[in-house]
Amino acid sequence: WCTIVRWEKTTRPFLRTREILWQEGHTMHETEQDARAETLRMFNIYKNFQEEYLAMPVITGKKTDKEKFAGALETYTIEAMMYDGYALQNGTSHYFGQGFAKAFGIEYMDKDNKRQTPYQTSWGVTTRMIGGLIMTHSDDYGLVLPPKIAPWKVIIIPIGDVAEKLQELEEMLKKEGITYKSDLSNKTPGFKFAEAEVKGYPIRIELGKRDLEKNLVTLVRRDTREKVTVSFENILSKIKELMEEIQHDLYEKAKIRRDSMIYDAKTYEELITIANTKPGFIKINWCGNVACEDKIKEDTTLKSRCLIENEEITGPCVVCGEKAVTRLYIGRQY
């Protein structure tokens, strides 16, 4: 992990700032096969982290030659779609081949004691993922955090004199390894509820004296703000159940929203219309010619996001009408 400075003309918190924290890796390998395997291994680690932990659906694929990293033979990208339909490049993995190694004279001694040039990879993600997380899940009430990455899964808000039950609940959570915070401030319950929503705790526990007299506790989901009443004895099992539901539901909700903003343009006129009227990504047939890629950007400000694999090409290039060789995602980006 390290910080770098980039002289951005326009800064956006988390997304494009002049100093960013990023995690990067560089490896060298004996064979092309090993280097390619490492490129894809890290690519999939990033993809799985964002989908399984951040609950952020992403589109993945290979960059076009025009958009790949300078000097790379292949660049694989992770593209998330934000609430407004803009793309956020959330990580890349590059296969360099031997180009940089040859340029800088990097060699190693092989098992036969002969000099060889290694095959190289590079990959990285940044704190831009935090911005992506906020824009994917949060709402007008504040931050929404998926349980898997929330530092504290539960916020406890005691109401009235419930010190004994509060201590018992804290011990139960601690024993199960469920991270929590108890709000013992002098603020009003309503203020505490609103503050908990702003900070994004996945589950809020309202530990009220009146409810406890009936052996009940109220749990509130941050993602839907839905209230659930359970008996004190069943609180742990319900918390575990809710955490799984919240993690799953956040991903599915974001995926449904993203998929609703992906369009398929069969002609250039249709591409222009969609670009001018609808936010999101557009899928097109493409001949692979950079001139067509440049024309799209010039006419619409949309740029290629990544190539689409495993989709049938059913028509010509939407730009020039020549034979299409691939499918392509295009969209506006942060």
C-alpha atoms as a PDB file:
ATOM      1  CA  TRP A   1       0.000   0.000   0.000  1.00  0.00           C
ATOM      2  CA  CYS A   2       1.298   3.478  -0.793  1.00  0.00           C
ATOM      3  CA  THR A   3       0.176   6.997  -1.595  1.00  0.00           C
ATOM      4  CA  ILE A   4       0.624   8.706  -4.936  1.00  0.00           C
ATOM      5  CA  VAL A   5      -0.025  12.225  -6.222  1.00  0.00           C
ATOM      6  CA  ARG A   6      -1.907  12.877  -9.459  1.00  0.00           C
ATOM      7  CA  TRP A   7      -2.549  16.421 -10.639  1.00  0.00           C
ATOM      8  CA  GLU A   8      -6.275  16.127 -11.179  1.00  0.00           C
ATOM      9  CA  LYS A   9      -7.910  19.231 -12.674  1.00  0.00           C
ATOM     10  CA  THR A  10     -11.201  18.424 -10.938  1.00  0.00           C
ATOM     11  CA  THR A  11     -11.194  16.578  -7.634  1.00  0.00           C
ATOM     12  CA  ARG A  12     -14.008  14.475  -6.199  1.00  0.00           C
ATOM     13  CA  PRO A  13     -13.791  13.023  -2.657  1.00  0.00           C
ATOM     14  CA  PHE A  14     -12.673   9.358  -2.795  1.00  0.00           C
ATOM     15  CA  LEU A  15     -13.016   9.196  -6.603  1.00  0.00           C
ATOM     16  CA  ARG A  16     -10.422  11.620  -7.953  1.00  0.00           C
ATOM     17  CA  THR A  17      -8.231  13.398  -5.434  1.00  0.00           C
ATOM     18  CA  ARG A  18      -4.700  14.683  -5.834  1.00  0.00           C
ATOM     19  CA  GLU A  19      -3.296  12.259  -3.281  1.00  0.00           C
ATOM     20  CA  ILE A  20      -4.693   8.736  -3.193  1.00  0.00           C
ATOM     21  CA  LEU A  21      -3.946   5.589  -1.246  1.00  0.00           C
ATOM     22  CA  TRP A  22      -3.705   2.484  -3.374  1.00  0.00           C
ATOM     23  CA  GLN A  23      -2.707  -1.128  -3.198  1.00  0.00           C
ATOM     24  CA  GLU A  24      -0.532  -2.260  -6.060  1.00  0.00           C
ATOM     25  CA  GLY A  25       1.353  -5.385  -6.945  1.00  0.00           C
ATOM     26  CA  HIS A  26       4.143  -6.230  -9.367  1.00  0.00           C
ATOM     27  CA  THR A  27       5.300  -9.759 -10.126  1.00  0.00           C
ATOM     28  CA  MET A  28       7.770 -11.409 -12.474  1.00  0.00           C
ATOM     29  CA  HIS A  29       7.517 -14.945 -13.773  1.00  0.00           C
ATOM     30  CA  GLU A  30       9.529 -17.529 -15.598  1.00  0.00           C
ATOM     31  CA  THR A  31       6.860 -18.272 -18.204  1.00  0.00           C
ATOM     32  CA  GLU A  32       4.165 -16.392 -20.088  1.00  0.00           C
ATOM     33  CA  GLN A  33       1.632 -18.943 -18.837  1.00  0.00           C
ATOM     34  CA  ASP A  34       2.464 -18.226 -15.180  1.00  0.00           C
ATOM     35  CA  ALA A  35       2.322 -14.464 -15.687  1.00  0.00           C
ATOM     36  CA  ARG A  36      -1.038 -14.620 -17.446  1.00  0.00           C
ATOM     37  CA  ALA A  37      -2.394 -16.864 -14.688  1.00  0.00           C
ATOM     38  CA  GLU A  38      -1.284 -14.363 -12.024  1.00  0.00           C
ATOM     39  CA  THR A  39      -2.868 -11.473 -13.943  1.00  0.00           C
ATOM     40  CA  LEU A  40      -6.230 -13.247 -13.952  1.00  0.00           C
ATOM     41  CA  ARG A  41      -5.868 -14.534 -10.375  1.00  0.00           C
ATOM     42  CA  MET A  42      -5.534 -11.024  -8.963  1.00  0.00           C
ATOM     43  CA  PHE A  43      -8.242  -9.755 -11.289  1.00  0.00           C
ATOM     44  CA  ASN A  44     -10.640 -12.330  -9.857  1.00  0.00           C
ATOM     45  CA  ILE A  45      -9.590 -11.570  -6.268  1.00  0.00           C
ATOM     46  CA  TYR A  46     -10.555  -7.922  -6.812  1.00  0.00           C
ATOM     47  CA  LYS A  47     -13.817  -8.883  -8.528  1.00  0.00           C
ATOM     48  CA  ASN A  48     -14.820 -11.320  -5.777  1.00  0.00           C
ATOM     49  CA  PHE A  49     -13.971  -8.832  -3.017  1.00  0.00           C
ATOM     50  CA  GLN A  50     -16.143  -6.145  -4.545  1.00  0.00           C
ATOM     51  CA  GLU A  51     -19.092  -8.448  -5.180  1.00  0.00           C
ATOM     52  CA  GLU A  52     -18.947 -10.665  -2.090  1.00  0.00           C
ATOM     53  CA  TYR A  53     -17.810  -8.127   0.521  1.00  0.00           C
ATOM     54  CA  LEU A  54     -18.786  -4.698  -0.825  1.00  0.00           C
ATOM     55  CA  ALA A  55     -22.024  -6.132  -2.317  1.00  0.00           C
ATOM     56  CA  MET A  56     -21.197  -4.123  -5.440  1.00  0.00           C
ATOM     57  CA  PRO A  57     -22.083  -5.783  -8.764  1.00  0.00           C
ATOM     58  CA  VAL A  58     -19.358  -5.184 -11.337  1.00  0.00           C
ATOM     59  CA  ILE A  59     -18.823  -5.714 -15.030  1.00  0.00           C
ATOM     60  CA  THR A  60     -15.471  -7.206 -15.903  1.00  0.00           C
ATOM     61  CA  GLY A  61     -13.525  -7.727 -19.081  1.00  0.00           C
ATOM     62  CA  LYS A  62     -10.567  -6.804 -21.227  1.00  0.00           C
ATOM     63  CA  LYS A  63      -9.888  -3.183 -22.187  1.00  0.00           C
ATOM     64  CA  THR A  64      -9.617  -2.225 -25.834  1.00  0.00           C
ATOM     65  CA  ASP A  65      -6.124  -1.582 -27.190  1.00  0.00           C
ATOM     66  CA  LYS A  66      -6.858   2.166 -27.117  1.00  0.00           C
ATOM     67  CA  GLU A  67      -7.874   2.116 -23.435  1.00  0.00           C
ATOM     68  CA  LYS A  68      -5.421  -0.424 -22.019  1.00  0.00           C
ATOM     69  CA  PHE A  69      -2.522   0.624 -19.774  1.00  0.00           C
ATOM     70  CA  ALA A  70       0.391   2.105 -21.751  1.00  0.00           C
ATOM     71  CA  GLY A  71       2.944  -0.624 -22.326  1.00  0.00           C
ATOM     72  CA  ALA A  72       0.632  -3.488 -21.347  1.00  0.00           C
ATOM     73  CA  LEU A  73      -0.200  -6.283 -23.742  1.00  0.00           C
ATOM     74  CA  GLU A  74      -3.544  -6.806 -21.996  1.00  0.00           C
ATOM     75  CA  THR A  75      -5.474  -4.840 -19.359  1.00  0.00           C
ATOM     76  CA  TYR A  76      -8.422  -6.327 -17.479  1.00  0.00           C
ATOM     77  CA  THR A  77     -10.810  -3.906 -15.822  1.00  0.00           C
ATOM     78  CA  ILE A  78     -13.477  -3.939 -13.110  1.00  0.00           C
ATOM     79  CA  GLU A  79     -16.291  -1.509 -13.928  1.00  0.00           C
ATOM     80  CA  ALA A  80     -18.956  -0.582 -11.374  1.00  0.00           C
ATOM     81  CA  MET A  81     -22.020   1.447 -12.305  1.00  0.00           C
ATOM     82  CA  MET A  82     -22.960   4.214  -9.914  1.00  0.00           C
ATOM     83  CA  TYR A  83     -26.485   5.350  -9.016  1.00  0.00           C
ATOM     84  CA  ASP A  84     -26.453   7.939 -11.815  1.00  0.00           C
ATOM     85  CA  GLY A  85     -25.370   5.510 -14.526  1.00  0.00           C
ATOM     86  CA  TYR A  86     -21.739   6.650 -14.638  1.00  0.00           C
ATOM     87  CA  ALA A  87     -18.981   4.054 -14.693  1.00  0.00           C
ATOM     88  CA  LEU A  88     -16.367   3.817 -11.971  1.00  0.00           C
ATOM     89  CA  GLN A  89     -13.220   1.896 -12.870  1.00  0.00           C
ATOM     90  CA  ASN A  90     -12.657   0.066  -9.607  1.00  0.00           C
ATOM     91  CA  GLY A  91      -9.493  -1.882 -10.300  1.00  0.00           C
ATOM     92  CA  THR A  92      -7.252  -3.161 -13.079  1.00  0.00           C
ATOM     93  CA  SER A  93      -4.861  -6.027 -13.716  1.00  0.00           C
ATOM     94  CA  HIS A  94      -2.238  -5.874 -16.453  1.00  0.00           C
ATOM     95  CA  TYR A  95      -0.210  -8.435 -18.361  1.00  0.00           C
ATOM     96  CA  PHE A  96       3.019  -6.763 -19.513  1.00  0.00           C
ATOM     97  CA  GLY A  97       4.776  -9.629 -21.251  1.00  0.00           C
ATOM     98  CA  GLN A  98       8.521  -8.908 -21.463  1.00  0.00           C
ATOM     99  CA  GLY A  99       8.290  -5.317 -22.689  1.00  0.00           C
ATOM    100  CA  PHE A 100       9.180  -3.447 -19.498  1.00  0.00           C
ATOM    101  CA  ALA A 101      11.733  -6.062 -18.462  1.00  0.00           C
ATOM    102  CA  LYS A 102      13.579  -5.669 -21.760  1.00  0.00           C
ATOM    103  CA  ALA A 103      13.354  -1.872 -21.604  1.00  0.00           C
ATOM    104  CA  PHE A 104      14.919  -1.772 -18.139  1.00  0.00           C
ATOM    105  CA  GLY A 105      17.343  -4.656 -18.633  1.00  0.00           C
ATOM    106  CA  ILE A 106      15.760  -6.920 -16.013  1.00  0.00           C
ATOM    107  CA  GLU A 107      17.082 -10.479 -16.156  1.00  0.00           C
ATOM    108  CA  TYR A 108      17.314 -13.546 -13.930  1.00  0.00           C
ATOM    109  CA  MET A 109      19.404 -16.715 -13.882  1.00  0.00           C
ATOM    110  CA  ASP A 110      17.362 -19.818 -14.744  1.00  0.00           C
ATOM    111  CA  LYS A 111      17.844 -23.346 -13.427  1.00  0.00           C
ATOM    112  CA  ASP A 112      20.479 -23.951 -16.123  1.00  0.00           C
ATOM    113  CA  ASN A 113      22.366 -20.837 -15.000  1.00  0.00           C
ATOM    114  CA  LYS A 114      21.438 -18.940 -18.159  1.00  0.00           C
ATOM    115  CA  ARG A 115      20.225 -15.358 -18.334  1.00  0.00           C
ATOM    116  CA  GLN A 116      16.519 -15.010 -19.116  1.00  0.00           C
ATOM    117  CA  THR A 117      14.023 -12.146 -19.399  1.00  0.00           C
ATOM    118  CA  PRO A 118      11.018 -12.506 -17.068  1.00  0.00           C
ATOM    119  CA  TYR A 119       7.335 -12.011 -17.876  1.00  0.00           C
ATOM    120  CA  GLN A 120       5.729  -9.282 -15.813  1.00  0.00           C
ATOM    121  CA  THR A 121       2.349  -8.347 -14.297  1.00  0.00           C
ATOM    122  CA  SER A 122       0.946  -5.392 -12.389  1.00  0.00           C
ATOM    123  CA  TRP A 123      -2.405  -4.874 -10.662  1.00  0.00           C
ATOM    124  CA  GLY A 124      -4.047  -2.467  -8.257  1.00  0.00           C
ATOM    125  CA  VAL A 125      -7.076  -0.989  -6.526  1.00  0.00           C
ATOM    126  CA  THR A 126      -7.498   2.270  -4.628  1.00  0.00           C
ATOM    127  CA  THR A 127      -9.604   3.979  -1.988  1.00  0.00           C
ATOM    128  CA  ARG A 128     -11.876   4.852  -4.917  1.00  0.00           C
ATOM    129  CA  MET A 129     -13.719   1.689  -3.829  1.00  0.00           C
ATOM    130  CA  ILE A 130     -14.931   3.645  -0.782  1.00  0.00           C
ATOM    131  CA  GLY A 131     -16.523   6.211  -3.081  1.00  0.00           C
ATOM    132  CA  GLY A 132     -18.058   3.400  -5.105  1.00  0.00           C
ATOM    133  CA  LEU A 133     -19.422   1.782  -1.963  1.00  0.00           C
ATOM    134  CA  ILE A 134     -21.038   5.042  -0.822  1.00  0.00           C
ATOM    135  CA  MET A 135     -22.629   5.779  -4.196  1.00  0.00           C
ATOM    136  CA  THR A 136     -23.855   2.221  -4.686  1.00  0.00           C
ATOM    137  CA  HIS A 137     -25.669   1.680  -1.385  1.00  0.00           C
ATOM    138  CA  SER A 138     -26.198   4.889   0.576  1.00  0.00           C
ATOM    139  CA  ASP A 139     -29.404   6.929   0.723  1.00  0.00           C
ATOM    140  CA  ASP A 140     -30.733  10.310   1.883  1.00  0.00           C
ATOM    141  CA  TYR A 141     -30.460   9.219   5.533  1.00  0.00           C
ATOM    142  CA  GLY A 142     -26.712   8.547   5.354  1.00  0.00           C
ATOM    143  CA  LEU A 143     -24.202   5.777   4.896  1.00  0.00           C
ATOM    144  CA  VAL A 144     -25.228   2.157   4.286  1.00  0.00           C
ATOM    145  CA  LEU A 145     -22.537  -0.450   4.932  1.00  0.00           C
ATOM    146  CA  PRO A 146     -22.675  -4.135   3.991  1.00  0.00           C
ATOM    147  CA  PRO A 147     -22.297  -6.230   7.185  1.00  0.00           C
ATOM    148  CA  LYS A 148     -19.185  -8.039   5.932  1.00  0.00           C
ATOM    149  CA  ILE A 149     -17.118  -4.846   5.897  1.00  0.00           C
ATOM    150  CA  ALA A 150     -18.820  -2.770   8.606  1.00  0.00           C
ATOM    151  CA  PRO A 151     -16.352  -2.211  11.490  1.00  0.00           C
ATOM    152  CA  TRP A 152     -19.271  -2.480  13.917  1.00  0.00           C
ATOM    153  CA  LYS A 153     -22.164  -4.687  12.862  1.00  0.00           C
ATOM    154  CA  VAL A 154     -24.507  -3.471  15.606  1.00  0.00           C
ATOM    155  CA  ILE A 155     -25.248  -0.209  17.403  1.00  0.00           C
ATOM    156  CA  ILE A 156     -27.064  -0.593  20.736  1.00  0.00           C
ATOM    157  CA  ILE A 157     -29.233   2.287  21.916  1.00  0.00           C
ATOM    158  CA  PRO A 158     -30.441   1.822  25.520  1.00  0.00           C
ATOM    159  CA  ILE A 159     -33.692   3.589  26.422  1.00  0.00           C
ATOM    160  CA  GLY A 160     -34.364   4.023  30.136  1.00  0.00           C
ATOM    161  CA  ASP A 161     -32.691   2.119  32.954  1.00  0.00           C
ATOM    162  CA  VAL A 162     -31.622  -1.109  31.246  1.00  0.00           C
ATOM    163  CA  ALA A 163     -28.027  -1.369  32.470  1.00  0.00           C
ATOM    164  CA  GLU A 164     -28.297  -5.025  33.516  1.00  0.00           C
ATOM    165  CA  LYS A 165     -29.771  -6.199  30.208  1.00  0.00           C
ATOM    166  CA  LEU A 166     -27.318  -4.024  28.287  1.00  0.00           C
ATOM    167  CA  GLN A 167     -24.377  -5.721  29.965  1.00  0.00           C
ATOM    168  CA  GLU A 168     -25.913  -9.141  29.302  1.00  0.00           C
ATOM    169  CA  LEU A 169     -26.428  -8.291  25.623  1.00  0.00           C
ATOM    170  CA  GLU A 170     -22.892  -6.978  25.257  1.00  0.00           C
ATOM    171  CA  GLU A 171     -21.496 -10.191  26.697  1.00  0.00           C
ATOM    172  CA  MET A 172     -23.631 -12.249  24.298  1.00  0.00           C
ATOM    173  CA  LEU A 173     -22.410 -10.276  21.283  1.00  0.00           C
ATOM    174  CA  LYS A 174     -18.809 -10.388  22.447  1.00  0.00           C
ATOM    175  CA  LYS A 175     -18.965 -14.147  22.907  1.00  0.00           C
ATOM    176  CA  GLU A 176     -20.282 -14.601  19.356  1.00  0.00           C
ATOM    177  CA  GLY A 177     -17.640 -12.277  17.887  1.00  0.00           C
ATOM    178  CA  ILE A 178     -20.224  -9.752  16.666  1.00  0.00           C
ATOM    179  CA  THR A 179     -18.717  -6.273  16.811  1.00  0.00           C
ATOM    180  CA  TYR A 180     -20.899  -3.625  18.430  1.00  0.00           C
ATOM    181  CA  LYS A 181     -21.050  -0.159  19.935  1.00  0.00           C
ATOM    182  CA  SER A 182     -23.302   1.067  22.734  1.00  0.00           C
ATOM    183  CA  ASP A 183     -24.452   4.689  22.595  1.00  0.00           C
ATOM    184  CA  LEU A 184     -24.372   5.846  26.234  1.00  0.00           C
ATOM    185  CA  SER A 185     -24.415   9.550  25.422  1.00  0.00           C
ATOM    186  CA  ASN A 186     -26.952  11.986  26.899  1.00  0.00           C
ATOM    187  CA  LYS A 187     -28.567  12.641  23.510  1.00  0.00           C
ATOM    188  CA  THR A 188     -32.230  11.887  22.964  1.00  0.00           C
ATOM    189  CA  PRO A 189     -33.198   8.451  21.534  1.00  0.00           C
ATOM    190  CA  GLY A 190     -34.421  10.113  18.316  1.00  0.00           C
ATOM    191  CA  PHE A 191     -31.097  11.899  17.845  1.00  0.00           C
ATOM    192  CA  LYS A 192     -29.244   8.626  18.462  1.00  0.00           C
ATOM    193  CA  PHE A 193     -31.396   6.810  15.887  1.00  0.00           C
ATOM    194  CA  ALA A 194     -30.669   9.448  13.237  1.00  0.00           C
ATOM    195  CA  GLU A 195     -26.958   9.456  14.045  1.00  0.00           C
ATOM    196  CA  ALA A 196     -26.814   5.669  13.764  1.00  0.00           C
ATOM    197  CA  GLU A 197     -28.386   5.904  10.311  1.00  0.00           C
ATOM    198  CA  VAL A 198     -25.910   8.554   9.189  1.00  0.00           C
ATOM    199  CA  LYS A 199     -23.004   6.332  10.247  1.00  0.00           C
ATOM    200  CA  GLY A 200     -24.416   3.249   8.525  1.00  0.00           C
ATOM    201  CA  TYR A 201     -24.423   0.559  11.222  1.00  0.00           C
ATOM    202  CA  PRO A 202     -26.075  -2.455   9.547  1.00  0.00           C
ATOM    203  CA  ILE A 203     -28.316  -3.213  12.564  1.00  0.00           C
ATOM    204  CA  ARG A 204     -29.640  -0.956  15.301  1.00  0.00           C
ATOM    205  CA  ILE A 205     -30.827  -2.468  18.569  1.00  0.00           C
ATOM    206  CA  GLU A 206     -33.345  -0.411  20.507  1.00  0.00           C
ATOM    207  CA  LEU A 207     -33.050  -1.730  24.049  1.00  0.00           C
ATOM    208  CA  GLY A 208     -36.112  -0.168  25.691  1.00  0.00           C
ATOM    209  CA  LYS A 209     -37.280  -0.642  29.251  1.00  0.00           C
ATOM    210  CA  ARG A 210     -40.934  -1.093  28.236  1.00  0.00           C
ATOM    211  CA  ASP A 211     -40.088  -3.705  25.604  1.00  0.00           C
ATOM    212  CA  LEU A 212     -37.841  -5.595  28.026  1.00  0.00           C
ATOM    213  CA  GLU A 213     -40.691  -5.842  30.519  1.00  0.00           C
ATOM    214  CA  LYS A 214     -42.354  -7.994  27.833  1.00  0.00           C
ATOM    215  CA  ASN A 215     -39.019  -9.735  27.137  1.00  0.00           C
ATOM    216  CA  LEU A 216     -38.835  -8.058  23.704  1.00  0.00           C
ATOM    217  CA  VAL A 217     -36.173  -6.140  21.794  1.00  0.00           C
ATOM    218  CA  THR A 218     -36.503  -4.088  18.598  1.00  0.00           C
ATOM    219  CA  LEU A 219     -33.991  -4.525  15.762  1.00  0.00           C
ATOM    220  CA  VAL A 220     -33.833  -2.070  12.851  1.00  0.00           C
ATOM    221  CA  ARG A 221     -32.234  -2.849   9.476  1.00  0.00           C
ATOM    222  CA  ARG A 222     -30.210   0.060   8.120  1.00  0.00           C
ATOM    223  CA  ASP A 223     -30.738  -0.856   4.459  1.00  0.00           C
ATOM    224  CA  THR A 224     -34.561  -0.893   4.540  1.00  0.00           C
ATOM    225  CA  ARG A 225     -35.131   0.851   7.927  1.00  0.00           C
ATOM    226  CA  GLU A 226     -37.511  -2.012   8.706  1.00  0.00           C
ATOM    227  CA  LYS A 227     -38.212  -2.770  12.393  1.00  0.00           C
ATOM    228  CA  VAL A 228     -38.259  -6.333  13.701  1.00  0.00           C
ATOM    229  CA  THR A 229     -39.330  -7.324  17.213  1.00  0.00           C
ATOM    230  CA  VAL A 230     -37.818 -10.464  18.762  1.00  0.00           C
ATOM    231  CA  SER A 231     -37.561 -12.032  22.177  1.00  0.00           C
ATOM    232  CA  PHE A 232     -34.363 -11.272  24.095  1.00  0.00           C
ATOM    233  CA  GLU A 233     -33.352 -14.960  23.962  1.00  0.00           C
ATOM    234  CA  ASN A 234     -33.550 -15.045  20.165  1.00  0.00           C
ATOM    235  CA  ILE A 235     -31.664 -11.840  19.510  1.00  0.00           C
ATOM    236  CA  LEU A 236     -28.369 -13.445  18.421  1.00  0.00           C
ATOM    237  CA  SER A 237     -29.906 -15.808  15.904  1.00  0.00           C
ATOM    238  CA  LYS A 238     -31.969 -12.950  14.455  1.00  0.00           C
ATOM    239  CA  ILE A 239     -28.912 -10.682  14.161  1.00  0.00           C
ATOM    240  CA  LYS A 240     -27.024 -13.392  12.252  1.00  0.00           C
ATOM    241  CA  GLU A 241     -30.024 -13.972  10.001  1.00  0.00           C
ATOM    242  CA  LEU A 242     -30.422 -10.253   9.299  1.00  0.00           C
ATOM    243  CA  MET A 243     -26.738  -9.772   8.505  1.00  0.00           C
ATOM    244  CA  GLU A 244     -26.928 -12.458   5.824  1.00  0.00           C
ATOM    245  CA  GLU A 245     -30.142 -10.985   4.433  1.00  0.00           C
ATOM    246  CA  ILE A 246     -28.770  -7.442   4.359  1.00  0.00           C
ATOM    247  CA  GLN A 247     -25.558  -8.536   2.602  1.00  0.00           C
ATOM    248  CA  HIS A 248     -27.551 -10.465  -0.007  1.00  0.00           C
ATOM    249  CA  ASP A 249     -30.259  -7.834  -0.476  1.00  0.00           C
ATOM    250  CA  LEU A 250     -27.799  -4.955  -0.933  1.00  0.00           C
ATOM    251  CA  TYR A 251     -26.105  -6.812  -3.782  1.00  0.00           C
ATOM    252  CA  GLU A 252     -29.368  -7.820  -5.440  1.00  0.00           C
ATOM    253  CA  LYS A 253     -30.854  -4.324  -5.165  1.00  0.00           C
ATOM    254  CA  ALA A 254     -27.737  -2.781  -6.724  1.00  0.00           C
ATOM    255  CA  LYS A 255     -27.663  -5.427  -9.462  1.00  0.00           C
ATOM    256  CA  ILE A 256     -31.306  -4.853 -10.392  1.00  0.00           C
ATOM    257  CA  ARG A 257     -30.706  -1.100 -10.585  1.00  0.00           C
ATOM    258  CA  ARG A 258     -27.559  -1.582 -12.678  1.00  0.00           C
ATOM    259  CA  ASP A 259     -29.186  -4.062 -15.077  1.00  0.00           C
ATOM    260  CA  SER A 260     -32.097  -1.665 -15.589  1.00  0.00           C
ATOM    261  CA  MET A 261     -29.607   0.861 -16.996  1.00  0.00           C
ATOM    262  CA  ILE A 262     -27.861  -1.415 -19.519  1.00  0.00           C
ATOM    263  CA  TYR A 263     -29.112  -0.996 -23.096  1.00  0.00           C
ATOM    264  CA  ASP A 264     -28.427  -2.755 -26.389  1.00  0.00           C
ATOM    265  CA  ALA A 265     -28.033  -0.509 -29.431  1.00  0.00           C
ATOM    266  CA  LYS A 266     -28.456  -2.174 -32.826  1.00  0.00           C
ATOM    267  CA  THR A 267     -27.786   0.948 -34.923  1.00  0.00           C
ATOM    268  CA  TYR A 268     -25.738   4.117 -34.571  1.00  0.00           C
ATOM    269  CA  GLU A 269     -28.886   6.235 -34.491  1.00  0.00           C
ATOM    270  CA  GLU A 270     -30.168   4.135 -31.592  1.00  0.00           C
ATOM    271  CA  LEU A 271     -26.814   4.504 -29.810  1.00  0.00           C
ATOM    272  CA  ILE A 272     -26.995   8.315 -30.147  1.00  0.00           C
ATOM    273  CA  THR A 273     -30.584   8.410 -28.872  1.00  0.00           C
ATOM    274  CA  ILE A 274     -29.803   6.279 -25.825  1.00  0.00           C
ATOM    275  CA  ALA A 275     -26.642   8.277 -25.075  1.00  0.00           C
ATOM    276  CA  ASN A 276     -28.606  11.538 -25.130  1.00  0.00           C
ATOM    277  CA  THR A 277     -31.624  10.391 -23.130  1.00  0.00           C
ATOM    278  CA  LYS A 278     -30.693   7.555 -20.766  1.00  0.00           C
ATOM    279  CA  PRO A 279     -27.988   7.120 -18.126  1.00  0.00           C
ATOM    280  CA  GLY A 280     -26.057   3.855 -18.011  1.00  0.00           C
ATOM    281  CA  PHE A 281     -24.052   1.473 -20.189  1.00  0.00           C
ATOM    282  CA  ILE A 282     -24.709   0.606 -23.824  1.00  0.00           C
ATOM    283  CA  LYS A 283     -23.796  -2.702 -25.460  1.00  0.00           C
ATOM    284  CA  ILE A 284     -22.856  -2.622 -29.140  1.00  0.00           C
ATOM    285  CA  ASN A 285     -21.372  -4.724 -31.917  1.00  0.00           C
ATOM    286  CA  TRP A 286     -17.913  -3.412 -32.830  1.00  0.00           C
ATOM    287  CA  CYS A 287     -15.504  -4.026 -35.688  1.00  0.00           C
ATOM    288  CA  GLY A 288     -12.433  -3.425 -33.504  1.00  0.00           C
ATOM    289  CA  ASN A 289     -11.411  -0.311 -35.446  1.00  0.00           C
ATOM    290  CA  VAL A 290     -10.100   2.557 -33.301  1.00  0.00           C
ATOM    291  CA  ALA A 291     -11.690   5.061 -35.698  1.00  0.00           C
ATOM    292  CA  CYS A 292     -15.144   3.807 -34.698  1.00  0.00           C
ATOM    293  CA  GLU A 293     -14.181   3.965 -31.027  1.00  0.00           C
ATOM    294  CA  ASP A 294     -13.005   7.570 -31.485  1.00  0.00           C
ATOM    295  CA  LYS A 295     -16.183   8.553 -33.338  1.00  0.00           C
ATOM    296  CA  ILE A 296     -18.370   7.318 -30.475  1.00  0.00           C
ATOM    297  CA  LYS A 297     -16.378   9.381 -27.990  1.00  0.00           C
ATOM    298  CA  GLU A 298     -16.446  12.468 -30.207  1.00  0.00           C
ATOM    299  CA  ASP A 299     -20.196  12.289 -30.858  1.00  0.00           C
ATOM    300  CA  THR A 300     -21.409  11.202 -27.396  1.00  0.00           C
ATOM    301  CA  THR A 301     -18.534  11.591 -24.842  1.00  0.00           C
ATOM    302  CA  LEU A 302     -19.002   7.864 -24.107  1.00  0.00           C
ATOM    303  CA  LYS A 303     -15.872   5.725 -23.896  1.00  0.00           C
ATOM    304  CA  SER A 304     -15.372   1.990 -24.178  1.00  0.00           C
ATOM    305  CA  ARG A 305     -15.509   0.229 -20.819  1.00  0.00           C
ATOM    306  CA  CYS A 306     -14.536  -3.328 -21.739  1.00  0.00           C
ATOM    307  CA  LEU A 307     -14.998  -6.081 -24.304  1.00  0.00           C
ATOM    308  CA  ILE A 308     -17.926  -8.450 -23.786  1.00  0.00           C
ATOM    309  CA  GLU A 309     -17.082 -12.129 -23.877  1.00  0.00           C
ATOM    310  CA  ASN A 310     -19.490 -15.021 -24.436  1.00  0.00           C
ATOM    311  CA  GLU A 311     -22.149 -12.967 -26.219  1.00  0.00           C
ATOM    312  CA  GLU A 312     -23.188 -13.813 -29.763  1.00  0.00           C
ATOM    313  CA  ILE A 313     -22.451 -11.202 -32.424  1.00  0.00           C
ATOM    314  CA  THR A 314     -25.681 -10.943 -34.393  1.00  0.00           C
ATOM    315  CA  GLY A 315     -25.014  -7.973 -36.663  1.00  0.00           C
ATOM    316  CA  PRO A 316     -22.455  -5.564 -38.118  1.00  0.00           C
ATOM    317  CA  CYS A 317     -20.522  -2.834 -36.309  1.00  0.00           C
ATOM    318  CA  VAL A 318     -23.055  -0.217 -35.242  1.00  0.00           C
ATOM    319  CA  VAL A 319     -20.723   2.615 -36.243  1.00  0.00           C
ATOM    320  CA  CYS A 320     -19.373   1.758 -39.685  1.00  0.00           C
ATOM    321  CA  GLY A 321     -21.538  -1.184 -40.750  1.00  0.00           C
ATOM    322  CA  GLU A 322     -18.531  -3.439 -41.382  1.00  0.00           C
ATOM    323  CA  LYS A 323     -18.258  -6.947 -39.949  1.00  0.00           C
ATOM    324  CA  ALA A 324     -18.246  -6.914 -36.131  1.00  0.00           C
ATOM    325  CA  VAL A 325     -15.591  -8.967 -34.373  1.00  0.00           C
ATOM    326  CA  THR A 326     -16.667  -8.416 -30.761  1.00  0.00           C
ATOM    327  CA  ARG A 327     -19.248  -6.941 -28.428  1.00  0.00           C
ATOM    328  CA  LEU A 328     -18.387  -3.853 -26.383  1.00  0.00           C
ATOM    329  CA  TYR A 329     -19.647  -1.968 -23.320  1.00  0.00           C
ATOM    330  CA  ILE A 330     -19.535   1.812 -23.597  1.00  0.00           C
ATOM    331  CA  GLY A 331     -20.460   4.482 -21.044  1.00  0.00           C
ATOM    332  CA  ARG A 332     -19.570   7.747 -19.331  1.00  0.00           C
ATOM    333  CA  GLN A 333     -17.117   7.599 -16.475  1.00  0.00           C
ATOM    334  CA  TYR A 334     -16.055   9.422 -13.325  1.00  0.00           C
END
